[in-house]
Amino acid sequence: MKIILAAPRGFCAGVNMAIESLDLALQAFGAPVYVYHEIVHNKYVVETFRDKGAVFVNSLSEVPPGSHLLFSAHGVSPEIRRVARERKLTAIDATCPLVTKVHLEAIKFAKQGYTILLIGHEGHDEVVGTMGEAPEAIVLVESVEHADRLEFGPDAKLAYLTQTTLSVDDANRIIDRLKARFPQLVGPPKEDICYATQNRQEAVREL
């Protein structure tokens, strides 16, 4: 059997940074180090860190006050940061810089009075964090069909942002439909989908 490996492949720089951050935290502080949600969607990596003393949690109520807590590459909402401070947790922020970029864009557009159409998957850790930056201003759009159901007038101030890990083709189809329906729609100066997501999708196409 011949096995062909795509190139590039493997984790993106943001995930590698988060993995390294957790490794360093365990070395510096010892176990346990708590992690808000899984460090990466990879069972082997998660189990390896569990064996080293990482504790993955879905709620900060599971973290004892005063503990060390790492935020994964997916990022978190301002509310999670507030609760972490309230519980006197030592937070280690391993949020991917590209996710932080989307958070800052959401804050900027919301302050400028835009309704933000966030293209992404409901319940995804990254999307939950981004929506937490401006919950009153953000509308989640998951598909072209969803885009077709949106109702905004011609004078509505609309901006779009995307989850960083989407299929490029799927995201572009949704963006194109939104632009066709709402010509006033504006977007970020540079697209939000991670370059690693894009080049790995292109590598699969080439196979």
N, C-alpha and C. Protein backbone atom coordinates (compact mmCIF):
# COMPACT_ATOMS: atom_id res chain seq x y z
N MET A 1 0.85 -1.20 0.00
CA MET A 1 0.00 0.00 0.00
C MET A 1 0.89 1.25 0.00
N LYS A 2 0.57 2.17 -0.87
CA LYS A 2 1.32 3.42 -0.97
C LYS A 2 0.56 4.51 -0.21
N ILE A 3 1.25 5.18 0.68
CA ILE A 3 0.65 6.27 1.46
C ILE A 3 1.25 7.59 0.99
N ILE A 4 0.41 8.52 0.59
CA ILE A 4 0.86 9.83 0.13
C ILE A 4 0.52 10.85 1.21
N LEU A 5 1.52 11.58 1.64
CA LEU A 5 1.33 12.59 2.68
C LEU A 5 1.23 13.97 2.05
N ALA A 6 0.23 14.71 2.47
CA ALA A 6 0.08 16.09 1.99
C ALA A 6 1.16 16.96 2.64
N ALA A 7 1.55 17.99 1.93
CA ALA A 7 2.51 18.96 2.49
C ALA A 7 2.09 20.36 2.06
N PRO A 8 1.97 21.28 3.00
CA PRO A 8 2.22 21.14 4.44
C PRO A 8 1.08 20.38 5.12
N ARG A 9 1.37 19.91 6.34
CA ARG A 9 0.38 19.21 7.15
C ARG A 9 0.73 19.44 8.62
N GLY A 10 -0.15 18.95 9.50
CA GLY A 10 0.14 19.09 10.92
C GLY A 10 -0.48 20.33 11.53
N PHE A 11 -0.11 20.60 12.77
CA PHE A 11 -0.70 21.71 13.51
C PHE A 11 -0.22 23.05 12.96
N CYS A 12 -1.06 24.05 13.13
CA CYS A 12 -0.70 25.42 12.75
C CYS A 12 0.20 26.02 13.83
N ALA A 13 0.75 27.20 13.53
CA ALA A 13 1.66 27.87 14.47
C ALA A 13 0.95 28.22 15.78
N GLY A 14 -0.32 28.60 15.69
CA GLY A 14 -1.06 28.98 16.89
C GLY A 14 -1.25 27.81 17.84
N VAL A 15 -1.58 26.65 17.29
CA VAL A 15 -1.75 25.46 18.13
C VAL A 15 -0.41 25.01 18.70
N ASN A 16 0.65 25.05 17.87
CA ASN A 16 1.98 24.69 18.38
C ASN A 16 2.39 25.61 19.52
N MET A 17 2.06 26.90 19.40
CA MET A 17 2.38 27.85 20.46
C MET A 17 1.64 27.49 21.75
N ALA A 18 0.36 27.12 21.62
CA ALA A 18 -0.43 26.76 22.79
C ALA A 18 0.11 25.49 23.45
N ILE A 19 0.49 24.50 22.63
CA ILE A 19 1.06 23.26 23.16
C ILE A 19 2.36 23.54 23.91
N GLU A 20 3.21 24.37 23.31
CA GLU A 20 4.48 24.72 23.97
C GLU A 20 4.22 25.49 25.26
N SER A 21 3.22 26.38 25.24
CA SER A 21 2.89 27.15 26.44
C SER A 21 2.45 26.24 27.58
N LEU A 22 1.65 25.22 27.26
CA LEU A 22 1.20 24.29 28.29
C LEU A 22 2.36 23.45 28.82
N ASP A 23 3.23 23.02 27.93
CA ASP A 23 4.41 22.28 28.36
C ASP A 23 5.26 23.11 29.32
N LEU A 24 5.50 24.38 28.96
CA LEU A 24 6.31 25.26 29.80
C LEU A 24 5.63 25.54 31.13
N ALA A 25 4.29 25.69 31.10
CA ALA A 25 3.55 25.95 32.34
C ALA A 25 3.67 24.77 33.30
N LEU A 26 3.57 23.56 32.77
CA LEU A 26 3.70 22.37 33.62
C LEU A 26 5.11 22.25 34.21
N GLN A 27 6.11 22.62 33.40
CA GLN A 27 7.48 22.59 33.90
C GLN A 27 7.70 23.66 34.97
N ALA A 28 7.13 24.85 34.75
CA ALA A 28 7.38 25.97 35.66
C ALA A 28 6.59 25.86 36.95
N PHE A 29 5.33 25.44 36.86
CA PHE A 29 4.44 25.47 38.02
C PHE A 29 4.13 24.09 38.60
N GLY A 30 4.39 23.05 37.81
CA GLY A 30 4.03 21.71 38.24
C GLY A 30 2.55 21.45 38.07
N ALA A 31 2.16 20.20 38.21
CA ALA A 31 0.75 19.82 38.06
C ALA A 31 -0.01 20.17 39.36
N PRO A 32 -1.30 20.48 39.24
CA PRO A 32 -2.05 20.56 37.99
C PRO A 32 -1.98 21.96 37.37
N VAL A 33 -2.03 22.00 36.05
CA VAL A 33 -2.32 23.24 35.32
C VAL A 33 -3.66 23.01 34.64
N TYR A 34 -4.60 23.90 34.89
CA TYR A 34 -5.94 23.77 34.31
C TYR A 34 -5.97 24.43 32.93
N VAL A 35 -6.74 23.85 32.03
CA VAL A 35 -6.87 24.37 30.67
C VAL A 35 -8.35 24.53 30.36
N TYR A 36 -8.72 25.75 29.93
CA TYR A 36 -10.12 25.99 29.58
C TYR A 36 -10.39 25.42 28.20
N HIS A 37 -11.14 24.34 28.15
CA HIS A 37 -11.41 23.54 26.96
C HIS A 37 -10.15 22.80 26.52
N GLU A 38 -10.29 21.91 25.58
CA GLU A 38 -9.15 21.11 25.14
C GLU A 38 -8.14 21.99 24.41
N ILE A 39 -6.87 21.71 24.62
CA ILE A 39 -5.80 22.52 24.04
C ILE A 39 -5.83 22.48 22.51
N VAL A 40 -6.26 21.35 21.96
CA VAL A 40 -6.38 21.15 20.51
C VAL A 40 -7.35 20.00 20.31
N HIS A 41 -8.03 19.97 19.18
CA HIS A 41 -8.96 18.89 18.89
C HIS A 41 -8.18 17.67 18.38
N ASN A 42 -7.42 17.08 19.31
CA ASN A 42 -6.59 15.92 18.97
C ASN A 42 -6.49 15.05 20.22
N LYS A 43 -7.10 13.87 20.17
CA LYS A 43 -7.21 13.02 21.35
C LYS A 43 -5.84 12.62 21.91
N TYR A 44 -4.89 12.31 21.02
CA TYR A 44 -3.57 11.88 21.47
C TYR A 44 -2.88 12.98 22.27
N VAL A 45 -2.92 14.21 21.76
CA VAL A 45 -2.27 15.33 22.46
C VAL A 45 -2.94 15.58 23.80
N VAL A 46 -4.27 15.57 23.81
CA VAL A 46 -5.00 15.82 25.05
C VAL A 46 -4.67 14.76 26.10
N GLU A 47 -4.67 13.49 25.71
CA GLU A 47 -4.38 12.42 26.67
C GLU A 47 -2.93 12.48 27.16
N THR A 48 -2.02 12.86 26.27
CA THR A 48 -0.61 13.00 26.68
C THR A 48 -0.48 14.07 27.76
N PHE A 49 -1.17 15.18 27.58
CA PHE A 49 -1.10 16.25 28.58
C PHE A 49 -1.82 15.86 29.87
N ARG A 50 -2.89 15.10 29.76
CA ARG A 50 -3.57 14.61 30.97
C ARG A 50 -2.59 13.78 31.82
N ASP A 51 -1.81 12.96 31.13
CA ASP A 51 -0.84 12.13 31.84
C ASP A 51 0.23 12.97 32.53
N LYS A 52 0.49 14.16 31.98
CA LYS A 52 1.50 15.05 32.57
C LYS A 52 0.94 15.91 33.70
N GLY A 53 -0.39 15.91 33.84
CA GLY A 53 -0.98 16.68 34.93
C GLY A 53 -1.84 17.85 34.51
N ALA A 54 -2.10 17.99 33.21
CA ALA A 54 -3.04 19.03 32.76
C ALA A 54 -4.47 18.56 33.05
N VAL A 55 -5.31 19.51 33.44
CA VAL A 55 -6.72 19.21 33.72
C VAL A 55 -7.56 20.09 32.81
N PHE A 56 -8.32 19.46 31.92
CA PHE A 56 -9.13 20.20 30.95
C PHE A 56 -10.53 20.40 31.52
N VAL A 57 -11.00 21.64 31.50
CA VAL A 57 -12.29 21.96 32.11
C VAL A 57 -13.16 22.72 31.11
N ASN A 58 -14.46 22.63 31.30
CA ASN A 58 -15.41 23.37 30.48
C ASN A 58 -16.07 24.51 31.23
N SER A 59 -15.76 24.62 32.51
CA SER A 59 -16.31 25.70 33.33
C SER A 59 -15.25 26.10 34.35
N LEU A 60 -15.13 27.41 34.60
CA LEU A 60 -14.15 27.86 35.58
C LEU A 60 -14.56 27.49 37.00
N SER A 61 -15.81 27.09 37.20
CA SER A 61 -16.22 26.62 38.52
C SER A 61 -15.49 25.33 38.90
N GLU A 62 -14.92 24.65 37.91
CA GLU A 62 -14.16 23.42 38.16
C GLU A 62 -12.72 23.71 38.60
N VAL A 63 -12.31 24.99 38.53
CA VAL A 63 -10.93 25.36 38.82
C VAL A 63 -10.83 25.93 40.23
N PRO A 64 -10.04 25.35 41.11
CA PRO A 64 -9.91 25.89 42.46
C PRO A 64 -9.33 27.31 42.45
N PRO A 65 -9.84 28.21 43.28
CA PRO A 65 -9.30 29.57 43.36
C PRO A 65 -7.79 29.55 43.56
N GLY A 66 -7.11 30.47 42.87
CA GLY A 66 -5.66 30.58 43.00
C GLY A 66 -4.86 29.66 42.11
N SER A 67 -5.53 28.85 41.29
CA SER A 67 -4.83 27.89 40.43
C SER A 67 -4.26 28.57 39.19
N HIS A 68 -3.44 27.81 38.46
CA HIS A 68 -2.93 28.25 37.16
C HIS A 68 -3.89 27.75 36.08
N LEU A 69 -4.25 28.66 35.18
CA LEU A 69 -5.24 28.37 34.14
C LEU A 69 -4.71 28.84 32.80
N LEU A 70 -4.76 27.96 31.80
CA LEU A 70 -4.30 28.31 30.46
C LEU A 70 -5.50 28.43 29.52
N PHE A 71 -5.54 29.53 28.75
CA PHE A 71 -6.54 29.70 27.70
C PHE A 71 -5.96 29.11 26.41
N SER A 72 -6.71 28.25 25.74
CA SER A 72 -6.21 27.59 24.53
C SER A 72 -6.15 28.56 23.36
N ALA A 73 -5.63 28.06 22.23
CA ALA A 73 -5.47 28.90 21.04
C ALA A 73 -6.80 29.45 20.53
N HIS A 74 -7.92 28.82 20.89
CA HIS A 74 -9.23 29.25 20.39
C HIS A 74 -9.68 30.59 20.97
N GLY A 75 -9.06 31.02 22.08
CA GLY A 75 -9.45 32.28 22.70
C GLY A 75 -10.68 32.14 23.59
N VAL A 76 -10.93 33.19 24.38
CA VAL A 76 -12.08 33.19 25.29
C VAL A 76 -12.75 34.55 25.26
N SER A 77 -13.94 34.62 25.82
CA SER A 77 -14.70 35.87 25.88
C SER A 77 -14.22 36.73 27.04
N PRO A 78 -14.53 38.02 27.02
CA PRO A 78 -14.20 38.89 28.16
C PRO A 78 -14.80 38.39 29.47
N GLU A 79 -15.97 37.76 29.40
CA GLU A 79 -16.61 37.26 30.62
C GLU A 79 -15.76 36.18 31.28
N ILE A 80 -15.16 35.31 30.50
CA ILE A 80 -14.30 34.26 31.05
C ILE A 80 -13.08 34.89 31.72
N ARG A 81 -12.51 35.91 31.10
CA ARG A 81 -11.36 36.60 31.70
C ARG A 81 -11.77 37.25 33.02
N ARG A 82 -12.97 37.82 33.04
CA ARG A 82 -13.44 38.47 34.27
C ARG A 82 -13.59 37.45 35.40
N VAL A 83 -14.20 36.32 35.08
CA VAL A 83 -14.39 35.29 36.10
C VAL A 83 -13.04 34.76 36.59
N ALA A 84 -12.09 34.62 35.68
CA ALA A 84 -10.76 34.15 36.08
C ALA A 84 -10.11 35.11 37.07
N ARG A 85 -10.25 36.41 36.81
CA ARG A 85 -9.71 37.40 37.75
C ARG A 85 -10.43 37.32 39.09
N GLU A 86 -11.74 37.18 39.03
CA GLU A 86 -12.56 37.12 40.25
C GLU A 86 -12.15 35.94 41.13
N ARG A 87 -11.79 34.84 40.48
CA ARG A 87 -11.40 33.63 41.22
C ARG A 87 -9.89 33.62 41.54
N LYS A 88 -9.23 34.76 41.22
CA LYS A 88 -7.79 34.91 41.50
C LYS A 88 -6.96 33.79 40.85
N LEU A 89 -7.32 33.48 39.62
CA LEU A 89 -6.57 32.49 38.87
C LEU A 89 -5.39 33.16 38.16
N THR A 90 -4.28 32.46 38.08
CA THR A 90 -3.14 32.95 37.31
C THR A 90 -3.35 32.49 35.87
N ALA A 91 -3.73 33.43 35.00
CA ALA A 91 -4.10 33.08 33.63
C ALA A 91 -2.88 33.12 32.71
N ILE A 92 -2.76 32.10 31.90
CA ILE A 92 -1.72 32.01 30.87
C ILE A 92 -2.44 32.05 29.53
N ASP A 93 -2.24 33.10 28.78
CA ASP A 93 -3.03 33.32 27.56
C ASP A 93 -2.29 32.77 26.34
N ALA A 94 -2.77 31.66 25.80
CA ALA A 94 -2.18 31.07 24.61
C ALA A 94 -3.07 31.26 23.39
N THR A 95 -3.89 32.31 23.41
CA THR A 95 -4.78 32.60 22.27
C THR A 95 -3.95 32.85 21.02
N CYS A 96 -4.34 32.24 19.91
CA CYS A 96 -3.67 32.47 18.64
C CYS A 96 -3.77 33.95 18.26
N PRO A 97 -2.67 34.57 17.81
CA PRO A 97 -2.73 35.98 17.41
C PRO A 97 -3.76 36.27 16.33
N LEU A 98 -4.01 35.30 15.44
CA LEU A 98 -5.01 35.52 14.39
C LEU A 98 -6.42 35.54 14.97
N VAL A 99 -6.65 34.78 16.02
CA VAL A 99 -7.95 34.83 16.71
C VAL A 99 -8.09 36.17 17.43
N THR A 100 -7.02 36.61 18.07
CA THR A 100 -7.04 37.93 18.72
C THR A 100 -7.36 39.02 17.72
N LYS A 101 -6.83 38.90 16.51
CA LYS A 101 -7.12 39.87 15.44
C LYS A 101 -8.63 39.94 15.18
N VAL A 102 -9.29 38.80 15.11
CA VAL A 102 -10.74 38.78 14.88
C VAL A 102 -11.47 39.43 16.06
N HIS A 103 -11.03 39.15 17.28
CA HIS A 103 -11.65 39.77 18.46
C HIS A 103 -11.55 41.29 18.38
N LEU A 104 -10.37 41.79 18.03
CA LEU A 104 -10.17 43.25 17.96
C LEU A 104 -11.01 43.86 16.84
N GLU A 105 -11.16 43.14 15.73
CA GLU A 105 -12.01 43.64 14.64
C GLU A 105 -13.47 43.70 15.09
N ALA A 106 -13.90 42.70 15.84
CA ALA A 106 -15.28 42.70 16.34
C ALA A 106 -15.52 43.89 17.26
N ILE A 107 -14.57 44.16 18.14
CA ILE A 107 -14.69 45.31 19.04
C ILE A 107 -14.76 46.61 18.25
N LYS A 108 -13.89 46.74 17.26
CA LYS A 108 -13.83 47.96 16.45
C LYS A 108 -15.14 48.18 15.69
N PHE A 109 -15.60 47.15 14.99
CA PHE A 109 -16.84 47.31 14.21
C PHE A 109 -18.03 47.61 15.12
N ALA A 110 -18.09 46.96 16.27
CA ALA A 110 -19.20 47.20 17.20
C ALA A 110 -19.19 48.64 17.70
N LYS A 111 -18.01 49.16 18.02
CA LYS A 111 -17.91 50.55 18.48
C LYS A 111 -18.32 51.54 17.39
N GLN A 112 -18.14 51.14 16.13
CA GLN A 112 -18.50 52.01 15.01
C GLN A 112 -19.97 51.88 14.61
N GLY A 113 -20.71 51.06 15.34
CA GLY A 113 -22.14 50.94 15.11
C GLY A 113 -22.56 49.92 14.07
N TYR A 114 -21.67 49.02 13.70
CA TYR A 114 -22.01 47.99 12.72
C TYR A 114 -22.71 46.80 13.38
N THR A 115 -23.59 46.17 12.62
CA THR A 115 -24.03 44.82 12.94
C THR A 115 -23.03 43.89 12.28
N ILE A 116 -22.48 42.97 13.06
CA ILE A 116 -21.41 42.10 12.56
C ILE A 116 -21.98 40.74 12.21
N LEU A 117 -21.79 40.33 10.97
CA LEU A 117 -22.21 39.01 10.53
C LEU A 117 -20.99 38.09 10.65
N LEU A 118 -21.00 37.25 11.67
CA LEU A 118 -19.87 36.37 11.95
C LEU A 118 -20.12 35.02 11.28
N ILE A 119 -19.28 34.70 10.31
CA ILE A 119 -19.41 33.44 9.58
C ILE A 119 -18.64 32.37 10.34
N GLY A 120 -19.36 31.35 10.80
CA GLY A 120 -18.70 30.32 11.61
C GLY A 120 -19.68 29.25 12.05
N HIS A 121 -19.21 28.39 12.94
CA HIS A 121 -20.00 27.26 13.42
C HIS A 121 -20.47 27.49 14.85
N GLU A 122 -21.76 27.38 15.05
CA GLU A 122 -22.33 27.58 16.39
C GLU A 122 -21.71 26.61 17.39
N GLY A 123 -21.33 27.14 18.54
CA GLY A 123 -20.79 26.31 19.60
C GLY A 123 -19.30 26.06 19.52
N HIS A 124 -18.66 26.42 18.40
CA HIS A 124 -17.21 26.26 18.31
C HIS A 124 -16.54 27.19 19.32
N ASP A 125 -15.50 26.71 19.99
CA ASP A 125 -14.86 27.50 21.04
C ASP A 125 -14.45 28.88 20.56
N GLU A 126 -13.89 28.95 19.36
CA GLU A 126 -13.46 30.25 18.83
C GLU A 126 -14.64 31.19 18.62
N VAL A 127 -15.71 30.68 18.07
CA VAL A 127 -16.89 31.50 17.80
C VAL A 127 -17.51 32.00 19.10
N VAL A 128 -17.57 31.14 20.10
CA VAL A 128 -18.12 31.55 21.40
C VAL A 128 -17.32 32.71 21.97
N GLY A 129 -15.99 32.62 21.88
CA GLY A 129 -15.14 33.69 22.38
C GLY A 129 -15.32 34.99 21.63
N THR A 130 -15.38 34.90 20.30
CA THR A 130 -15.54 36.11 19.48
C THR A 130 -16.89 36.77 19.75
N MET A 131 -17.95 35.98 19.82
CA MET A 131 -19.28 36.55 20.05
C MET A 131 -19.35 37.23 21.41
N GLY A 132 -18.56 36.75 22.35
CA GLY A 132 -18.55 37.37 23.67
C GLY A 132 -17.98 38.77 23.70
N GLU A 133 -17.24 39.15 22.65
CA GLU A 133 -16.67 40.50 22.59
C GLU A 133 -17.74 41.57 22.33
N ALA A 134 -18.79 41.20 21.62
CA ALA A 134 -19.85 42.18 21.30
C ALA A 134 -21.15 41.43 21.06
N PRO A 135 -21.70 40.79 22.08
CA PRO A 135 -22.86 39.91 21.89
C PRO A 135 -24.08 40.61 21.31
N GLU A 136 -24.25 41.90 21.62
CA GLU A 136 -25.43 42.61 21.12
C GLU A 136 -25.30 42.94 19.64
N ALA A 137 -24.07 42.94 19.13
CA ALA A 137 -23.84 43.40 17.75
C ALA A 137 -23.61 42.27 16.76
N ILE A 138 -23.40 41.05 17.24
CA ILE A 138 -22.98 39.96 16.36
C ILE A 138 -24.14 39.02 16.04
N VAL A 139 -24.26 38.70 14.75
CA VAL A 139 -25.22 37.70 14.27
C VAL A 139 -24.41 36.57 13.63
N LEU A 140 -24.61 35.35 14.08
CA LEU A 140 -23.88 34.21 13.53
C LEU A 140 -24.52 33.76 12.23
N VAL A 141 -23.68 33.53 11.21
CA VAL A 141 -24.14 33.04 9.91
C VAL A 141 -23.40 31.74 9.61
N GLU A 142 -24.13 30.64 9.49
CA GLU A 142 -23.49 29.33 9.35
C GLU A 142 -23.51 28.77 7.93
N SER A 143 -24.33 29.33 7.04
CA SER A 143 -24.47 28.74 5.72
C SER A 143 -25.03 29.76 4.74
N VAL A 144 -24.98 29.41 3.46
CA VAL A 144 -25.60 30.25 2.43
C VAL A 144 -27.10 30.36 2.68
N GLU A 145 -27.72 29.25 3.08
CA GLU A 145 -29.16 29.26 3.35
C GLU A 145 -29.49 30.22 4.50
N HIS A 146 -28.64 30.22 5.49
CA HIS A 146 -28.82 31.14 6.61
C HIS A 146 -28.68 32.58 6.13
N ALA A 147 -27.70 32.83 5.27
CA ALA A 147 -27.51 34.18 4.71
C ALA A 147 -28.75 34.64 3.96
N ASP A 148 -29.41 33.71 3.28
CA ASP A 148 -30.60 34.06 2.52
C ASP A 148 -31.77 34.46 3.41
N ARG A 149 -31.74 34.03 4.67
CA ARG A 149 -32.86 34.33 5.58
C ARG A 149 -32.68 35.65 6.33
N LEU A 150 -31.53 36.26 6.21
CA LEU A 150 -31.27 37.50 6.94
C LEU A 150 -32.09 38.65 6.37
N GLU A 151 -32.56 39.52 7.23
CA GLU A 151 -33.35 40.67 6.80
C GLU A 151 -32.73 41.95 7.34
N PHE A 152 -32.16 42.76 6.45
CA PHE A 152 -31.62 44.07 6.81
C PHE A 152 -31.98 45.06 5.71
N GLY A 153 -32.24 46.29 6.10
CA GLY A 153 -32.55 47.32 5.13
C GLY A 153 -31.31 47.84 4.44
N PRO A 154 -31.50 48.63 3.35
CA PRO A 154 -30.35 49.13 2.57
C PRO A 154 -29.47 50.10 3.35
N ASP A 155 -29.99 50.68 4.41
CA ASP A 155 -29.20 51.63 5.20
C ASP A 155 -28.51 50.98 6.40
N ALA A 156 -28.69 49.71 6.59
CA ALA A 156 -28.07 49.03 7.74
C ALA A 156 -26.56 49.01 7.59
N LYS A 157 -25.86 49.30 8.68
CA LYS A 157 -24.40 49.22 8.68
C LYS A 157 -24.01 47.77 8.98
N LEU A 158 -23.44 47.11 7.99
CA LEU A 158 -23.13 45.69 8.12
C LEU A 158 -21.65 45.42 7.85
N ALA A 159 -21.07 44.58 8.67
CA ALA A 159 -19.69 44.12 8.47
C ALA A 159 -19.66 42.61 8.67
N TYR A 160 -18.71 41.96 8.02
CA TYR A 160 -18.58 40.52 8.23
C TYR A 160 -17.19 40.18 8.78
N LEU A 161 -17.15 39.11 9.56
CA LEU A 161 -15.92 38.51 10.04
C LEU A 161 -16.08 37.00 9.90
N THR A 162 -14.97 36.27 9.93
CA THR A 162 -15.08 34.82 9.82
C THR A 162 -14.27 34.12 10.91
N GLN A 163 -14.74 32.96 11.28
CA GLN A 163 -13.95 32.03 12.10
C GLN A 163 -12.67 31.73 11.34
N THR A 164 -11.55 31.58 12.03
CA THR A 164 -10.27 31.44 11.33
C THR A 164 -10.05 30.07 10.70
N THR A 165 -10.82 29.06 11.10
CA THR A 165 -10.54 27.69 10.68
C THR A 165 -11.58 27.12 9.72
N LEU A 166 -12.28 27.98 9.01
CA LEU A 166 -13.33 27.51 8.10
C LEU A 166 -12.75 26.98 6.80
N SER A 167 -13.55 26.20 6.10
CA SER A 167 -13.26 25.88 4.70
C SER A 167 -13.27 27.17 3.90
N VAL A 168 -12.20 27.41 3.16
CA VAL A 168 -12.10 28.64 2.37
C VAL A 168 -13.24 28.72 1.36
N ASP A 169 -13.51 27.61 0.69
CA ASP A 169 -14.57 27.60 -0.33
C ASP A 169 -15.93 27.88 0.28
N ASP A 170 -16.23 27.23 1.40
CA ASP A 170 -17.53 27.44 2.05
C ASP A 170 -17.67 28.88 2.52
N ALA A 171 -16.61 29.42 3.11
CA ALA A 171 -16.67 30.80 3.60
C ALA A 171 -16.87 31.77 2.45
N ASN A 172 -16.16 31.55 1.34
CA ASN A 172 -16.28 32.47 0.20
C ASN A 172 -17.68 32.43 -0.40
N ARG A 173 -18.30 31.26 -0.41
CA ARG A 173 -19.67 31.18 -0.93
C ARG A 173 -20.62 32.01 -0.07
N ILE A 174 -20.45 31.94 1.24
CA ILE A 174 -21.31 32.72 2.14
C ILE A 174 -21.03 34.21 1.98
N ILE A 175 -19.76 34.58 1.91
CA ILE A 175 -19.40 36.00 1.75
C ILE A 175 -19.97 36.54 0.45
N ASP A 176 -19.83 35.78 -0.63
CA ASP A 176 -20.36 36.23 -1.93
C ASP A 176 -21.87 36.43 -1.86
N ARG A 177 -22.58 35.54 -1.18
CA ARG A 177 -24.03 35.68 -1.08
C ARG A 177 -24.39 36.91 -0.25
N LEU A 178 -23.66 37.12 0.84
CA LEU A 178 -23.92 38.30 1.68
C LEU A 178 -23.67 39.59 0.91
N LYS A 179 -22.59 39.62 0.13
CA LYS A 179 -22.28 40.83 -0.65
C LYS A 179 -23.34 41.07 -1.73
N ALA A 180 -23.84 39.99 -2.31
CA ALA A 180 -24.88 40.13 -3.34
C ALA A 180 -26.17 40.67 -2.73
N ARG A 181 -26.48 40.24 -1.52
CA ARG A 181 -27.72 40.67 -0.87
C ARG A 181 -27.58 42.04 -0.22
N PHE A 182 -26.39 42.33 0.28
CA PHE A 182 -26.17 43.58 1.03
C PHE A 182 -24.93 44.29 0.47
N PRO A 183 -25.11 45.10 -0.58
CA PRO A 183 -23.96 45.74 -1.24
C PRO A 183 -23.16 46.65 -0.31
N GLN A 184 -23.77 47.10 0.77
CA GLN A 184 -23.07 48.00 1.70
C GLN A 184 -22.15 47.25 2.65
N LEU A 185 -22.14 45.92 2.57
CA LEU A 185 -21.36 45.10 3.50
C LEU A 185 -19.87 45.41 3.39
N VAL A 186 -19.22 45.58 4.55
CA VAL A 186 -17.77 45.77 4.58
C VAL A 186 -17.14 44.60 5.33
N GLY A 187 -15.84 44.42 5.10
CA GLY A 187 -15.14 43.33 5.76
C GLY A 187 -13.84 43.80 6.36
N PRO A 188 -13.08 42.89 6.93
CA PRO A 188 -11.80 43.26 7.54
C PRO A 188 -10.79 43.63 6.46
N PRO A 189 -9.76 44.43 6.81
CA PRO A 189 -8.75 44.81 5.82
C PRO A 189 -8.05 43.61 5.21
N LYS A 190 -7.90 42.55 6.00
CA LYS A 190 -7.29 41.31 5.53
C LYS A 190 -8.16 40.16 5.99
N GLU A 191 -8.36 39.17 5.12
CA GLU A 191 -9.29 38.09 5.47
C GLU A 191 -8.85 37.37 6.74
N ASP A 192 -9.82 36.79 7.42
CA ASP A 192 -9.59 36.23 8.75
C ASP A 192 -9.18 34.76 8.74
N ILE A 193 -9.46 34.05 7.65
CA ILE A 193 -9.15 32.61 7.66
C ILE A 193 -7.64 32.42 7.71
N CYS A 194 -7.21 31.59 8.62
CA CYS A 194 -5.79 31.36 8.90
C CYS A 194 -5.08 30.84 7.65
N TYR A 195 -3.85 31.37 7.41
CA TYR A 195 -3.08 30.93 6.25
C TYR A 195 -2.77 29.43 6.32
N ALA A 196 -2.59 28.89 7.54
CA ALA A 196 -2.32 27.45 7.69
C ALA A 196 -3.55 26.64 7.28
N THR A 197 -4.73 27.14 7.63
CA THR A 197 -5.96 26.48 7.20
C THR A 197 -6.03 26.45 5.68
N GLN A 198 -5.69 27.58 5.06
CA GLN A 198 -5.77 27.68 3.60
C GLN A 198 -4.76 26.76 2.92
N ASN A 199 -3.48 26.82 3.35
CA ASN A 199 -2.49 26.05 2.59
C ASN A 199 -2.64 24.55 2.81
N ARG A 200 -3.21 24.13 3.93
CA ARG A 200 -3.46 22.71 4.12
C ARG A 200 -4.64 22.24 3.26
N GLN A 201 -5.64 23.10 3.09
CA GLN A 201 -6.74 22.76 2.20
C GLN A 201 -6.25 22.67 0.75
N GLU A 202 -5.36 23.59 0.38
CA GLU A 202 -4.80 23.56 -0.98
C GLU A 202 -3.95 22.30 -1.20
N ALA A 203 -3.22 21.88 -0.15
CA ALA A 203 -2.40 20.67 -0.27
C ALA A 203 -3.27 19.44 -0.50
N VAL A 204 -4.42 19.39 0.16
CA VAL A 204 -5.34 18.26 -0.04
C VAL A 204 -5.89 18.27 -1.46
N ARG A 205 -6.22 19.47 -1.97
CA ARG A 205 -6.72 19.56 -3.35
C ARG A 205 -5.67 19.01 -4.33
N GLU A 206 -4.41 19.33 -4.10
CA GLU A 206 -3.36 18.91 -5.02
C GLU A 206 -3.19 17.39 -5.04
N LEU A 207 -3.57 16.73 -3.96
CA LEU A 207 -3.50 15.26 -3.94
C LEU A 207 -4.50 14.65 -4.93
